Amino acid sequence: MTDNTIWIHYARPRPHWYRLPQEEKSEKRALWDGIVRKAVAEGAVSLGDYHIRGQHDFQTVSLWRFPSPEAAFEHWSRLTAAGYNEWHAFTNNIGLALDSVT
């Protein structure tokens, strides 16, 4: 399977994120940005980050295309190992392309 996996990531900072000094926030963002660059180098494609308005539990949604479900899971595993989930509330959805119906 190539380019058939979509990952939808909803997130918002947890309250204690706002109490972190700016330097620590910058360090954590740099670590997570490195993980994103690794995913891109391995074939992932960011389809964009969007601010969510209205009645929703989250602040942003990020859309990604990965070469496989395993690649998406590996990306998320790297982020959690780097503490991302400690600082952000989140929910993830993953989807596989449907076969075309003719």
PDB file of N, CA and C in Angstrom:
ATOM      1  N   MET A   1       0.837  -1.173   0.000  1.00  0.00           N
ATOM      2  CA  MET A   1       0.000   0.000   0.000  1.00  0.00           C
ATOM      3  C   MET A   1       0.887   1.243   0.000  1.00  0.00           C
ATOM      4  N   THR A   2       0.666   2.151  -0.910  1.00  0.00           N
ATOM      5  CA  THR A   2       1.424   3.393  -0.901  1.00  0.00           C
ATOM      6  C   THR A   2       0.473   4.575  -0.953  1.00  0.00           C
ATOM      7  N   ASP A   3       0.782   5.561  -0.157  1.00  0.00           N
ATOM      8  CA  ASP A   3       0.011   6.801  -0.109  1.00  0.00           C
ATOM      9  C   ASP A   3      -1.489   6.583   0.089  1.00  0.00           C
ATOM     10  N   ASN A   4      -1.857   5.538   0.801  1.00  0.00           N
ATOM     11  CA  ASN A   4      -3.273   5.246   0.996  1.00  0.00           C
ATOM     12  C   ASN A   4      -3.752   5.464   2.419  1.00  0.00           C
ATOM     13  N   THR A   5      -2.876   5.899   3.295  1.00  0.00           N
ATOM     14  CA  THR A   5      -3.246   6.038   4.700  1.00  0.00           C
ATOM     15  C   THR A   5      -3.328   7.506   5.070  1.00  0.00           C
ATOM     16  N   ILE A   6      -4.459   7.883   5.622  1.00  0.00           N
ATOM     17  CA  ILE A   6      -4.641   9.263   6.077  1.00  0.00           C
ATOM     18  C   ILE A   6      -4.654   9.230   7.610  1.00  0.00           C
ATOM     19  N   TRP A   7      -3.991  10.219   8.211  1.00  0.00           N
ATOM     20  CA  TRP A   7      -3.980  10.344   9.669  1.00  0.00           C
ATOM     21  C   TRP A   7      -4.546  11.712  10.007  1.00  0.00           C
ATOM     22  N   ILE A   8      -5.562  11.735  10.858  1.00  0.00           N
ATOM     23  CA  ILE A   8      -6.201  12.974  11.297  1.00  0.00           C
ATOM     24  C   ILE A   8      -5.907  13.118  12.781  1.00  0.00           C
ATOM     25  N   HIS A   9      -5.228  14.217  13.116  1.00  0.00           N
ATOM     26  CA  HIS A   9      -4.784  14.432  14.499  1.00  0.00           C
ATOM     27  C   HIS A   9      -5.395  15.724  15.040  1.00  0.00           C
ATOM     28  N   TYR A  10      -6.280  15.578  16.025  1.00  0.00           N
ATOM     29  CA  TYR A  10      -6.878  16.719  16.713  1.00  0.00           C
ATOM     30  C   TYR A  10      -6.084  16.968  17.988  1.00  0.00           C
ATOM     31  N   ALA A  11      -5.859  18.237  18.340  1.00  0.00           N
ATOM     32  CA  ALA A  11      -5.085  18.520  19.547  1.00  0.00           C
ATOM     33  C   ALA A  11      -5.440  19.878  20.148  1.00  0.00           C
ATOM     34  N   ARG A  12      -5.074  20.002  21.413  1.00  0.00           N
ATOM     35  CA  ARG A  12      -5.099  21.290  22.111  1.00  0.00           C
ATOM     36  C   ARG A  12      -4.077  21.195  23.235  1.00  0.00           C
ATOM     37  N   PRO A  13      -3.414  22.290  23.549  1.00  0.00           N
ATOM     38  CA  PRO A  13      -2.465  22.263  24.665  1.00  0.00           C
ATOM     39  C   PRO A  13      -3.197  21.974  25.982  1.00  0.00           C
ATOM     40  N   ARG A  14      -2.553  21.213  26.837  1.00  0.00           N
ATOM     41  CA  ARG A  14      -3.096  20.979  28.175  1.00  0.00           C
ATOM     42  C   ARG A  14      -2.797  22.223  29.020  1.00  0.00           C
ATOM     43  N   PRO A  15      -3.553  22.468  30.083  1.00  0.00           N
ATOM     44  CA  PRO A  15      -3.360  23.691  30.875  1.00  0.00           C
ATOM     45  C   PRO A  15      -1.933  23.903  31.362  1.00  0.00           C
ATOM     46  N   HIS A  16      -1.233  22.845  31.755  1.00  0.00           N
ATOM     47  CA  HIS A  16       0.119  23.030  32.282  1.00  0.00           C
ATOM     48  C   HIS A  16       1.123  23.423  31.194  1.00  0.00           C
ATOM     49  N   TRP A  17       0.777  23.271  29.918  1.00  0.00           N
ATOM     50  CA  TRP A  17       1.642  23.742  28.831  1.00  0.00           C
ATOM     51  C   TRP A  17       1.851  25.253  28.933  1.00  0.00           C
ATOM     52  N   TYR A  18       0.799  25.963  29.298  1.00  0.00           N
ATOM     53  CA  TYR A  18       0.855  27.425  29.347  1.00  0.00           C
ATOM     54  C   TYR A  18       1.731  27.938  30.484  1.00  0.00           C
ATOM     55  N   ARG A  19       1.998  27.099  31.467  1.00  0.00           N
ATOM     56  CA  ARG A  19       2.852  27.509  32.580  1.00  0.00           C
ATOM     57  C   ARG A  19       4.335  27.240  32.331  1.00  0.00           C
ATOM     58  N   LEU A  20       4.642  26.526  31.257  1.00  0.00           N
ATOM     59  CA  LEU A  20       6.051  26.248  30.939  1.00  0.00           C
ATOM     60  C   LEU A  20       6.761  27.524  30.499  1.00  0.00           C
ATOM     61  N   PRO A  21       7.994  27.713  30.908  1.00  0.00           N
ATOM     62  CA  PRO A  21       8.771  28.848  30.389  1.00  0.00           C
ATOM     63  C   PRO A  21       8.935  28.727  28.869  1.00  0.00           C
ATOM     64  N   GLN A  22       9.002  29.848  28.196  1.00  0.00           N
ATOM     65  CA  GLN A  22       9.094  29.874  26.733  1.00  0.00           C
ATOM     66  C   GLN A  22      10.274  29.039  26.219  1.00  0.00           C
ATOM     67  N   GLU A  23      11.385  29.070  26.922  1.00  0.00           N
ATOM     68  CA  GLU A  23      12.560  28.309  26.493  1.00  0.00           C
ATOM     69  C   GLU A  23      12.262  26.808  26.470  1.00  0.00           C
ATOM     70  N   GLU A  24      11.577  26.311  27.472  1.00  0.00           N
ATOM     71  CA  GLU A  24      11.230  24.886  27.511  1.00  0.00           C
ATOM     72  C   GLU A  24      10.235  24.531  26.409  1.00  0.00           C
ATOM     73  N   LYS A  25       9.272  25.420  26.168  1.00  0.00           N
ATOM     74  CA  LYS A  25       8.330  25.190  25.066  1.00  0.00           C
ATOM     75  C   LYS A  25       9.084  25.096  23.743  1.00  0.00           C
ATOM     76  N   SER A  26      10.023  26.003  23.539  1.00  0.00           N
ATOM     77  CA  SER A  26      10.801  26.015  22.295  1.00  0.00           C
ATOM     78  C   SER A  26      11.613  24.734  22.140  1.00  0.00           C
ATOM     79  N   GLU A  27      12.193  24.251  23.224  1.00  0.00           N
ATOM     80  CA  GLU A  27      12.964  23.002  23.179  1.00  0.00           C
ATOM     81  C   GLU A  27      12.077  21.825  22.802  1.00  0.00           C
ATOM     82  N   LYS A  28      10.899  21.756  23.402  1.00  0.00           N
ATOM     83  CA  LYS A  28       9.982  20.657  23.100  1.00  0.00           C
ATOM     84  C   LYS A  28       9.493  20.746  21.659  1.00  0.00           C
ATOM     85  N   ARG A  29       9.143  21.935  21.209  1.00  0.00           N
ATOM     86  CA  ARG A  29       8.704  22.102  19.811  1.00  0.00           C
ATOM     87  C   ARG A  29       9.802  21.695  18.838  1.00  0.00           C
ATOM     88  N   ALA A  30      11.046  22.039  19.148  1.00  0.00           N
ATOM     89  CA  ALA A  30      12.166  21.673  18.275  1.00  0.00           C
ATOM     90  C   ALA A  30      12.310  20.150  18.201  1.00  0.00           C
ATOM     91  N   LEU A  31      12.137  19.475  19.329  1.00  0.00           N
ATOM     92  CA  LEU A  31      12.204  18.015  19.354  1.00  0.00           C
ATOM     93  C   LEU A  31      11.093  17.420  18.487  1.00  0.00           C
ATOM     94  N   TRP A  32       9.875  17.914  18.661  1.00  0.00           N
ATOM     95  CA  TRP A  32       8.739  17.402  17.885  1.00  0.00           C
ATOM     96  C   TRP A  32       8.884  17.738  16.404  1.00  0.00           C
ATOM     97  N   ASP A  33       9.420  18.913  16.095  1.00  0.00           N
ATOM     98  CA  ASP A  33       9.658  19.279  14.689  1.00  0.00           C
ATOM     99  C   ASP A  33      10.653  18.328  14.033  1.00  0.00           C
ATOM    100  N   GLY A  34      11.650  17.872  14.792  1.00  0.00           N
ATOM    101  CA  GLY A  34      12.596  16.899  14.271  1.00  0.00           C
ATOM    102  C   GLY A  34      11.913  15.579  13.936  1.00  0.00           C
ATOM    103  N   ILE A  35      10.949  15.187  14.746  1.00  0.00           N
ATOM    104  CA  ILE A  35      10.183  13.964  14.493  1.00  0.00           C
ATOM    105  C   ILE A  35       9.343  14.128  13.232  1.00  0.00           C
ATOM    106  N   VAL A  36       8.767  15.294  13.046  1.00  0.00           N
ATOM    107  CA  VAL A  36       8.004  15.577  11.830  1.00  0.00           C
ATOM    108  C   VAL A  36       8.917  15.492  10.605  1.00  0.00           C
ATOM    109  N   ARG A  37      10.103  16.084  10.696  1.00  0.00           N
ATOM    110  CA  ARG A  37      11.043  16.028   9.557  1.00  0.00           C
ATOM    111  C   ARG A  37      11.417  14.587   9.228  1.00  0.00           C
ATOM    112  N   LYS A  38      11.577  13.760  10.242  1.00  0.00           N
ATOM    113  CA  LYS A  38      11.894  12.348  10.012  1.00  0.00           C
ATOM    114  C   LYS A  38      10.749  11.655   9.283  1.00  0.00           C
ATOM    115  N   ALA A  39       9.518  11.922   9.698  1.00  0.00           N
ATOM    116  CA  ALA A  39       8.355  11.322   9.032  1.00  0.00           C
ATOM    117  C   ALA A  39       8.306  11.734   7.564  1.00  0.00           C
ATOM    118  N   VAL A  40       8.551  13.012   7.298  1.00  0.00           N
ATOM    119  CA  VAL A  40       8.547  13.505   5.909  1.00  0.00           C
ATOM    120  C   VAL A  40       9.656  12.821   5.108  1.00  0.00           C
ATOM    121  N   ALA A  41      10.829  12.686   5.699  1.00  0.00           N
ATOM    122  CA  ALA A  41      11.943  12.012   5.020  1.00  0.00           C
ATOM    123  C   ALA A  41      11.606  10.556   4.710  1.00  0.00           C
ATOM    124  N   GLU A  42      10.718   9.962   5.493  1.00  0.00           N
ATOM    125  CA  GLU A  42      10.315   8.565   5.300  1.00  0.00           C
ATOM    126  C   GLU A  42       9.064   8.433   4.442  1.00  0.00           C
ATOM    127  N   GLY A  43       8.607   9.536   3.830  1.00  0.00           N
ATOM    128  CA  GLY A  43       7.500   9.454   2.888  1.00  0.00           C
ATOM    129  C   GLY A  43       6.179  10.039   3.317  1.00  0.00           C
ATOM    130  N   ALA A  44       6.083  10.548   4.536  1.00  0.00           N
ATOM    131  CA  ALA A  44       4.837  11.180   4.978  1.00  0.00           C
ATOM    132  C   ALA A  44       4.681  12.540   4.310  1.00  0.00           C
ATOM    133  N   VAL A  45       3.435  12.946   4.122  1.00  0.00           N
ATOM    134  CA  VAL A  45       3.135  14.248   3.518  1.00  0.00           C
ATOM    135  C   VAL A  45       2.129  14.968   4.400  1.00  0.00           C
ATOM    136  N   SER A  46       2.495  16.150   4.871  1.00  0.00           N
ATOM    137  CA  SER A  46       1.554  16.967   5.635  1.00  0.00           C
ATOM    138  C   SER A  46       0.580  17.605   4.656  1.00  0.00           C
ATOM    139  N   LEU A  47      -0.702  17.439   4.925  1.00  0.00           N
ATOM    140  CA  LEU A  47      -1.736  18.055   4.099  1.00  0.00           C
ATOM    141  C   LEU A  47      -2.231  19.361   4.713  1.00  0.00           C
ATOM    142  N   GLY A  48      -1.660  19.726   5.856  1.00  0.00           N
ATOM    143  CA  GLY A  48      -1.968  21.006   6.462  1.00  0.00           C
ATOM    144  C   GLY A  48      -2.429  20.912   7.899  1.00  0.00           C
ATOM    145  N   ASP A  49      -2.279  22.027   8.588  1.00  0.00           N
ATOM    146  CA  ASP A  49      -2.749  22.200   9.956  1.00  0.00           C
ATOM    147  C   ASP A  49      -3.832  23.269   9.924  1.00  0.00           C
ATOM    148  N   TYR A  50      -4.902  23.032  10.644  1.00  0.00           N
ATOM    149  CA  TYR A  50      -6.041  23.939  10.597  1.00  0.00           C
ATOM    150  C   TYR A  50      -6.507  24.281  12.002  1.00  0.00           C
ATOM    151  N   HIS A  51      -6.885  25.528  12.205  1.00  0.00           N
ATOM    152  CA  HIS A  51      -7.489  25.973  13.457  1.00  0.00           C
ATOM    153  C   HIS A  51      -8.968  25.607  13.389  1.00  0.00           C
ATOM    154  N   ILE A  52      -9.485  25.049  14.459  1.00  0.00           N
ATOM    155  CA  ILE A  52     -10.887  24.641  14.513  1.00  0.00           C
ATOM    156  C   ILE A  52     -11.683  25.728  15.205  1.00  0.00           C
ATOM    157  N   ARG A  53     -12.754  26.142  14.583  1.00  0.00           N
ATOM    158  CA  ARG A  53     -13.631  27.141  15.180  1.00  0.00           C
ATOM    159  C   ARG A  53     -14.942  26.495  15.563  1.00  0.00           C
ATOM    160  N   GLY A  54     -15.631  27.090  16.486  1.00  0.00           N
ATOM    161  CA  GLY A  54     -16.948  26.593  16.859  1.00  0.00           C
ATOM    162  C   GLY A  54     -16.899  25.638  18.031  1.00  0.00           C
ATOM    163  N   GLN A  55     -17.924  24.830  18.129  1.00  0.00           N
ATOM    164  CA  GLN A  55     -18.092  23.917  19.257  1.00  0.00           C
ATOM    165  C   GLN A  55     -17.294  22.638  19.023  1.00  0.00           C
ATOM    166  N   HIS A  56     -16.095  22.615  19.539  1.00  0.00           N
ATOM    167  CA  HIS A  56     -15.237  21.445  19.370  1.00  0.00           C
ATOM    168  C   HIS A  56     -14.334  21.312  20.587  1.00  0.00           C
ATOM    169  N   ASP A  57     -13.921  20.099  20.892  1.00  0.00           N
ATOM    170  CA  ASP A  57     -13.073  19.855  22.055  1.00  0.00           C
ATOM    171  C   ASP A  57     -11.616  20.208  21.815  1.00  0.00           C
ATOM    172  N   PHE A  58     -11.236  20.436  20.563  1.00  0.00           N
ATOM    173  CA  PHE A  58      -9.839  20.641  20.239  1.00  0.00           C
ATOM    174  C   PHE A  58      -9.629  21.985  19.550  1.00  0.00           C
ATOM    175  N   GLN A  59      -8.385  22.386  19.479  1.00  0.00           N
ATOM    176  CA  GLN A  59      -8.010  23.689  18.925  1.00  0.00           C
ATOM    177  C   GLN A  59      -7.528  23.588  17.482  1.00  0.00           C
ATOM    178  N   THR A  60      -6.832  22.481  17.173  1.00  0.00           N
ATOM    179  CA  THR A  60      -6.272  22.321  15.831  1.00  0.00           C
ATOM    180  C   THR A  60      -6.548  20.921  15.297  1.00  0.00           C
ATOM    181  N   VAL A  61      -6.477  20.801  13.997  1.00  0.00           N
ATOM    182  CA  VAL A  61      -6.502  19.497  13.340  1.00  0.00           C
ATOM    183  C   VAL A  61      -5.376  19.492  12.314  1.00  0.00           C
ATOM    184  N   SER A  62      -4.619  18.395  12.302  1.00  0.00           N
ATOM    185  CA  SER A  62      -3.538  18.206  11.335  1.00  0.00           C
ATOM    186  C   SER A  62      -3.895  17.008  10.478  1.00  0.00           C
ATOM    187  N   LEU A  63      -3.736  17.151   9.184  1.00  0.00           N
ATOM    188  CA  LEU A  63      -4.022  16.074   8.247  1.00  0.00           C
ATOM    189  C   LEU A  63      -2.725  15.611   7.607  1.00  0.00           C
ATOM    190  N   TRP A  64      -2.527  14.313   7.577  1.00  0.00           N
ATOM    191  CA  TRP A  64      -1.301  13.726   7.033  1.00  0.00           C
ATOM    192  C   TRP A  64      -1.637  12.550   6.129  1.00  0.00           C
ATOM    193  N   ARG A  65      -0.777  12.325   5.161  1.00  0.00           N
ATOM    194  CA  ARG A  65      -0.830  11.107   4.352  1.00  0.00           C
ATOM    195  C   ARG A  65       0.457  10.334   4.629  1.00  0.00           C
ATOM    196  N   PHE A  66       0.326   9.063   4.970  1.00  0.00           N
ATOM    197  CA  PHE A  66       1.468   8.201   5.260  1.00  0.00           C
ATOM    198  C   PHE A  66       1.505   7.047   4.261  1.00  0.00           C
ATOM    199  N   PRO A  67       2.687   6.487   4.046  1.00  0.00           N
ATOM    200  CA  PRO A  67       2.801   5.369   3.118  1.00  0.00           C
ATOM    201  C   PRO A  67       2.058   4.109   3.596  1.00  0.00           C
ATOM    202  N   SER A  68       1.840   3.990   4.908  1.00  0.00           N
ATOM    203  CA  SER A  68       1.169   2.803   5.452  1.00  0.00           C
ATOM    204  C   SER A  68       0.635   3.123   6.841  1.00  0.00           C
ATOM    205  N   PRO A  69      -0.289   2.312   7.342  1.00  0.00           N
ATOM    206  CA  PRO A  69      -0.747   2.510   8.719  1.00  0.00           C
ATOM    207  C   PRO A  69       0.403   2.362   9.715  1.00  0.00           C
ATOM    208  N   GLU A  70       1.317   1.453   9.421  1.00  0.00           N
ATOM    209  CA  GLU A  70       2.459   1.245  10.311  1.00  0.00           C
ATOM    210  C   GLU A  70       3.335   2.492  10.399  1.00  0.00           C
ATOM    211  N   ALA A  71       3.510   3.192   9.274  1.00  0.00           N
ATOM    212  CA  ALA A  71       4.308   4.424   9.272  1.00  0.00           C
ATOM    213  C   ALA A  71       3.640   5.501  10.120  1.00  0.00           C
ATOM    214  N   ALA A  72       2.315   5.598  10.049  1.00  0.00           N
ATOM    215  CA  ALA A  72       1.585   6.568  10.870  1.00  0.00           C
ATOM    216  C   ALA A  72       1.727   6.219  12.353  1.00  0.00           C
ATOM    217  N   PHE A  73       1.605   4.947  12.666  1.00  0.00           N
ATOM    218  CA  PHE A  73       1.746   4.509  14.048  1.00  0.00           C
ATOM    219  C   PHE A  73       3.157   4.784  14.561  1.00  0.00           C
ATOM    220  N   GLU A  74       4.163   4.541  13.737  1.00  0.00           N
ATOM    221  CA  GLU A  74       5.553   4.802  14.134  1.00  0.00           C
ATOM    222  C   GLU A  74       5.760   6.292  14.427  1.00  0.00           C
ATOM    223  N   HIS A  75       5.185   7.145  13.594  1.00  0.00           N
ATOM    224  CA  HIS A  75       5.281   8.595  13.814  1.00  0.00           C
ATOM    225  C   HIS A  75       4.667   8.959  15.163  1.00  0.00           C
ATOM    226  N   TRP A  76       3.474   8.455  15.441  1.00  0.00           N
ATOM    227  CA  TRP A  76       2.814   8.749  16.711  1.00  0.00           C
ATOM    228  C   TRP A  76       3.619   8.192  17.880  1.00  0.00           C
ATOM    229  N   SER A  77       4.189   7.016  17.711  1.00  0.00           N
ATOM    230  CA  SER A  77       5.013   6.418  18.761  1.00  0.00           C
ATOM    231  C   SER A  77       6.215   7.298  19.087  1.00  0.00           C
ATOM    232  N   ARG A  78       6.830   7.857  18.074  1.00  0.00           N
ATOM    233  CA  ARG A  78       7.970   8.758  18.294  1.00  0.00           C
ATOM    234  C   ARG A  78       7.526  10.014  19.050  1.00  0.00           C
ATOM    235  N   LEU A  79       6.378  10.566  18.659  1.00  0.00           N
ATOM    236  CA  LEU A  79       5.886  11.768  19.346  1.00  0.00           C
ATOM    237  C   LEU A  79       5.584  11.481  20.816  1.00  0.00           C
ATOM    238  N   THR A  80       4.938  10.357  21.088  1.00  0.00           N
ATOM    239  CA  THR A  80       4.620  10.049  22.487  1.00  0.00           C
ATOM    240  C   THR A  80       5.889   9.756  23.286  1.00  0.00           C
ATOM    241  N   ALA A  81       6.858   9.102  22.669  1.00  0.00           N
ATOM    242  CA  ALA A  81       8.127   8.849  23.357  1.00  0.00           C
ATOM    243  C   ALA A  81       8.833  10.161  23.697  1.00  0.00           C
ATOM    244  N   ALA A  82       8.566  11.203  22.905  1.00  0.00           N
ATOM    245  CA  ALA A  82       9.162  12.519  23.135  1.00  0.00           C
ATOM    246  C   ALA A  82       8.283  13.402  24.022  1.00  0.00           C
ATOM    247  N   GLY A  83       7.239  12.829  24.628  1.00  0.00           N
ATOM    248  CA  GLY A  83       6.429  13.551  25.594  1.00  0.00           C
ATOM    249  C   GLY A  83       5.329  14.435  25.039  1.00  0.00           C
ATOM    250  N   TYR A  84       5.070  14.367  23.744  1.00  0.00           N
ATOM    251  CA  TYR A  84       4.039  15.228  23.156  1.00  0.00           C
ATOM    252  C   TYR A  84       2.692  15.059  23.864  1.00  0.00           C
ATOM    253  N   ASN A  85       2.304  13.823  24.118  1.00  0.00           N
ATOM    254  CA  ASN A  85       0.997  13.560  24.721  1.00  0.00           C
ATOM    255  C   ASN A  85       0.891  14.029  26.163  1.00  0.00           C
ATOM    256  N   GLU A  86       2.004  14.294  26.810  1.00  0.00           N
ATOM    257  CA  GLU A  86       1.961  14.834  28.166  1.00  0.00           C
ATOM    258  C   GLU A  86       1.543  16.307  28.164  1.00  0.00           C
ATOM    259  N   TRP A  87       1.766  16.981  27.056  1.00  0.00           N
ATOM    260  CA  TRP A  87       1.540  18.425  26.974  1.00  0.00           C
ATOM    261  C   TRP A  87       0.344  18.800  26.123  1.00  0.00           C
ATOM    262  N   HIS A  88      -0.232  17.826  25.416  1.00  0.00           N
ATOM    263  CA  HIS A  88      -1.375  18.099  24.544  1.00  0.00           C
ATOM    264  C   HIS A  88      -2.456  17.038  24.723  1.00  0.00           C
ATOM    265  N   ALA A  89      -3.694  17.494  24.854  1.00  0.00           N
ATOM    266  CA  ALA A  89      -4.830  16.586  24.767  1.00  0.00           C
ATOM    267  C   ALA A  89      -5.025  16.314  23.282  1.00  0.00           C
ATOM    268  N   PHE A  90      -5.449  15.116  22.937  1.00  0.00           N
ATOM    269  CA  PHE A  90      -5.487  14.763  21.523  1.00  0.00           C
ATOM    270  C   PHE A  90      -6.494  13.658  21.255  1.00  0.00           C
ATOM    271  N   THR A  91      -6.789  13.476  20.004  1.00  0.00           N
ATOM    272  CA  THR A  91      -7.451  12.286  19.493  1.00  0.00           C
ATOM    273  C   THR A  91      -6.927  12.084  18.082  1.00  0.00           C
ATOM    274  N   ASN A  92      -6.775  10.835  17.711  1.00  0.00           N
ATOM    275  CA  ASN A  92      -6.260  10.494  16.389  1.00  0.00           C
ATOM    276  C   ASN A  92      -7.243   9.602  15.667  1.00  0.00           C
ATOM    277  N   ASN A  93      -7.337   9.786  14.374  1.00  0.00           N
ATOM    278  CA  ASN A  93      -8.091   8.895  13.509  1.00  0.00           C
ATOM    279  C   ASN A  93      -7.181   8.486  12.375  1.00  0.00           C
ATOM    280  N   ILE A  94      -7.333   7.278  11.931  1.00  0.00           N
ATOM    281  CA  ILE A  94      -6.557   6.806  10.790  1.00  0.00           C
ATOM    282  C   ILE A  94      -7.535   6.186   9.813  1.00  0.00           C
ATOM    283  N   GLY A  95      -7.272   6.390   8.541  1.00  0.00           N
ATOM    284  CA  GLY A  95      -8.150   5.838   7.533  1.00  0.00           C
ATOM    285  C   GLY A  95      -7.373   5.306   6.348  1.00  0.00           C
ATOM    286  N   LEU A  96      -7.953   4.316   5.725  1.00  0.00           N
ATOM    287  CA  LEU A  96      -7.378   3.733   4.518  1.00  0.00           C
ATOM    288  C   LEU A  96      -8.244   4.105   3.334  1.00  0.00           C
ATOM    289  N   ALA A  97      -7.627   4.295   2.199  1.00  0.00           N
ATOM    290  CA  ALA A  97      -8.367   4.660   0.995  1.00  0.00           C
ATOM    291  C   ALA A  97      -9.358   3.553   0.638  1.00  0.00           C
ATOM    292  N   LEU A  98     -10.537   3.957   0.214  1.00  0.00           N
ATOM    293  CA  LEU A  98     -11.541   3.003  -0.260  1.00  0.00           C
ATOM    294  C   LEU A  98     -11.255   2.657  -1.705  1.00  0.00           C
ATOM    295  N   ASP A  99     -11.564   1.454  -2.079  1.00  0.00           N
ATOM    296  CA  ASP A  99     -11.465   1.095  -3.487  1.00  0.00           C
ATOM    297  C   ASP A  99     -12.518   1.870  -4.252  1.00  0.00           C
ATOM    298  N   SER A 100     -12.186   2.290  -5.440  1.00  0.00           N
ATOM    299  CA  SER A 100     -13.150   3.012  -6.272  1.00  0.00           C
ATOM    300  C   SER A 100     -14.292   2.105  -6.655  1.00  0.00           C
ATOM    301  N   VAL A 101     -15.475   2.656  -6.617  1.00  0.00           N
ATOM    302  CA  VAL A 101     -16.663   1.922  -7.033  1.00  0.00           C
ATOM    303  C   VAL A 101     -17.047   2.450  -8.395  1.00  0.00           C
ATOM    304  N   THR A 102     -17.159   1.564  -9.342  1.00  0.00           N
ATOM    305  CA  THR A 102     -17.537   2.010 -10.699  1.00  0.00           C
ATOM    306  C   THR A 102     -18.888   1.530 -11.089  1.00  0.00           C
TER     307      THR A 102
END
